[in-house]
Amino acid sequence: MKKSELIQILTILRNTYNNFTFDDFKENLWFDLLKDLPDGTGLANVREHVMSNKYPPTIADIRTSKEEEIEEDPEIRARNIEIAHSAWVRAGNDPEAFVYEPDGDSIKRLRT
């Protein structure tokens, strides 16, 4: 991350959250803790955070995106697919028409 990107981030946060302030110390501290992020990552994560949170982000929030936080364990995913497929077949549906797409608590399936 470049210093100019951090300034953009801090400006967005100051203008989005009324109680968010920064000074030279905070600016230097945040830059030290975020400078290893690839260019654009911090800004993208802040934009994502601002759109869905009413409280300002922490440094940890800026370092990780929602996609990284939600990463599903492969073994759990495989088991969920197996369970959903079994329920699909037990309901009398064509096993070949089954498609697993988790969407919250629902499972979308192709219709035959």
Protein backbone atom coordinates (compact mmCIF):
# COMPACT_ATOMS: atom_id res chain seq x y z
CA MET A 1 0.00 0.00 0.00
CA LYS A 2 1.18 3.47 -0.80
CA LYS A 3 0.84 6.37 1.62
CA SER A 4 -1.55 8.07 -0.82
CA GLU A 5 -3.91 5.05 -0.59
CA LEU A 6 -3.90 5.29 3.20
CA ILE A 7 -4.77 8.98 2.99
CA GLN A 8 -7.71 8.05 0.73
CA ILE A 9 -8.82 5.40 3.25
CA LEU A 10 -8.61 7.78 6.21
CA THR A 11 -10.45 10.49 4.29
CA ILE A 12 -13.25 8.07 3.35
CA LEU A 13 -13.56 6.95 6.97
CA ARG A 14 -13.53 10.51 8.33
CA ASN A 15 -16.28 11.50 5.89
CA THR A 16 -18.35 8.35 6.40
CA TYR A 17 -18.19 7.95 10.19
CA ASN A 18 -18.85 11.07 12.26
CA ASN A 19 -16.82 9.82 15.22
CA PHE A 20 -13.74 8.80 13.19
CA THR A 21 -10.75 11.10 13.55
CA PHE A 22 -7.08 10.74 12.78
CA ASP A 23 -3.91 12.62 13.54
CA ASP A 24 -0.27 12.22 12.51
CA PHE A 25 0.30 9.45 15.05
CA LYS A 26 -2.69 7.41 13.87
CA GLU A 27 -1.76 7.98 10.24
CA ASN A 28 1.80 6.72 10.82
CA LEU A 29 0.65 3.77 12.92
CA TRP A 30 -1.94 2.65 10.39
CA PHE A 31 0.52 3.02 7.55
CA ASP A 32 3.07 0.91 9.41
CA LEU A 33 0.49 -1.84 9.98
CA LEU A 34 -1.04 -1.75 6.48
CA LYS A 35 1.90 -0.94 4.18
CA ASP A 36 2.46 -4.60 3.26
CA LEU A 37 -1.00 -4.90 1.64
CA PRO A 38 -1.03 -5.02 -2.17
CA ASP A 39 -2.03 -1.73 -3.79
CA GLY A 40 -5.80 -1.35 -3.90
CA THR A 41 -6.61 -4.11 -1.41
CA GLY A 42 -7.02 -1.87 1.63
CA LEU A 43 -9.14 0.63 -0.28
CA ALA A 44 -11.36 -2.13 -1.69
CA ASN A 45 -11.81 -3.65 1.79
CA VAL A 46 -12.67 -0.25 3.28
CA ARG A 47 -15.27 0.39 0.58
CA GLU A 48 -16.78 -3.05 1.25
CA HIS A 49 -16.78 -2.36 5.01
CA VAL A 50 -18.38 1.08 4.67
CA MET A 51 -21.22 -0.36 2.61
CA SER A 52 -22.22 -2.91 5.25
CA ASN A 53 -21.12 -1.63 8.68
CA LYS A 54 -22.28 1.28 10.76
CA TYR A 55 -19.07 1.32 12.81
CA PRO A 56 -15.59 2.26 11.52
CA PRO A 57 -13.23 -0.61 10.67
CA THR A 58 -10.28 -1.73 12.71
CA ILE A 59 -6.92 -2.44 11.12
CA ALA A 60 -7.85 -6.14 11.13
CA ASP A 61 -11.05 -5.31 9.21
CA ILE A 62 -9.03 -3.49 6.56
CA ARG A 63 -6.51 -6.32 6.26
CA THR A 64 -9.16 -8.97 5.50
CA SER A 65 -12.12 -9.00 3.15
CA LYS A 66 -15.46 -10.71 3.71
CA GLU A 67 -14.53 -13.34 1.14
CA GLU A 68 -11.49 -14.37 3.19
CA GLU A 69 -13.49 -14.49 6.43
CA ILE A 70 -16.24 -16.70 5.01
CA GLU A 71 -13.96 -19.34 3.51
CA GLU A 72 -15.70 -22.69 4.04
CA ASP A 73 -13.85 -25.76 5.23
CA PRO A 74 -13.62 -28.21 2.28
CA GLU A 75 -14.61 -31.23 4.40
CA ILE A 76 -17.68 -29.45 5.74
CA ARG A 77 -18.63 -28.33 2.22
CA ALA A 78 -18.30 -31.90 0.89
CA ARG A 79 -20.48 -33.23 3.72
CA ASN A 80 -23.09 -30.50 3.14
CA ILE A 81 -23.23 -31.40 -0.55
CA GLU A 82 -23.65 -35.07 0.30
CA ILE A 83 -26.49 -34.34 2.75
CA ALA A 84 -28.26 -32.00 0.32
CA HIS A 85 -27.91 -34.50 -2.53
CA SER A 86 -29.36 -37.30 -0.40
CA ALA A 87 -32.34 -35.12 0.55
CA TRP A 88 -32.82 -34.19 -3.13
CA VAL A 89 -32.88 -37.87 -4.19
CA ARG A 90 -35.14 -38.90 -1.26
CA ALA A 91 -37.64 -36.27 -2.43
CA GLY A 92 -37.89 -38.20 -5.72
CA ASN A 93 -35.83 -35.84 -7.86
CA ASP A 94 -33.39 -36.78 -10.59
CA PRO A 95 -29.92 -37.17 -9.04
CA GLU A 96 -28.34 -35.78 -12.22
CA ALA A 97 -30.33 -32.53 -11.98
CA PHE A 98 -28.93 -31.62 -8.56
CA VAL A 99 -26.77 -28.48 -8.25
CA TYR A 100 -25.45 -27.33 -4.89
CA GLU A 101 -25.26 -23.57 -4.46
CA PRO A 102 -25.45 -22.45 -0.83
CA ASP A 103 -27.27 -19.15 -0.52
CA GLY A 104 -27.59 -18.43 3.17
CA ASP A 105 -29.66 -21.36 4.45
CA SER A 106 -31.24 -22.23 1.11
CA ILE A 107 -30.05 -24.55 -1.62
CA LYS A 108 -30.80 -23.73 -5.23
CA ARG A 109 -31.39 -26.68 -7.53
CA LEU A 110 -31.96 -27.12 -11.24
CA ARG A 111 -35.42 -28.13 -12.32
CA THR A 112 -35.78 -31.08 -14.64
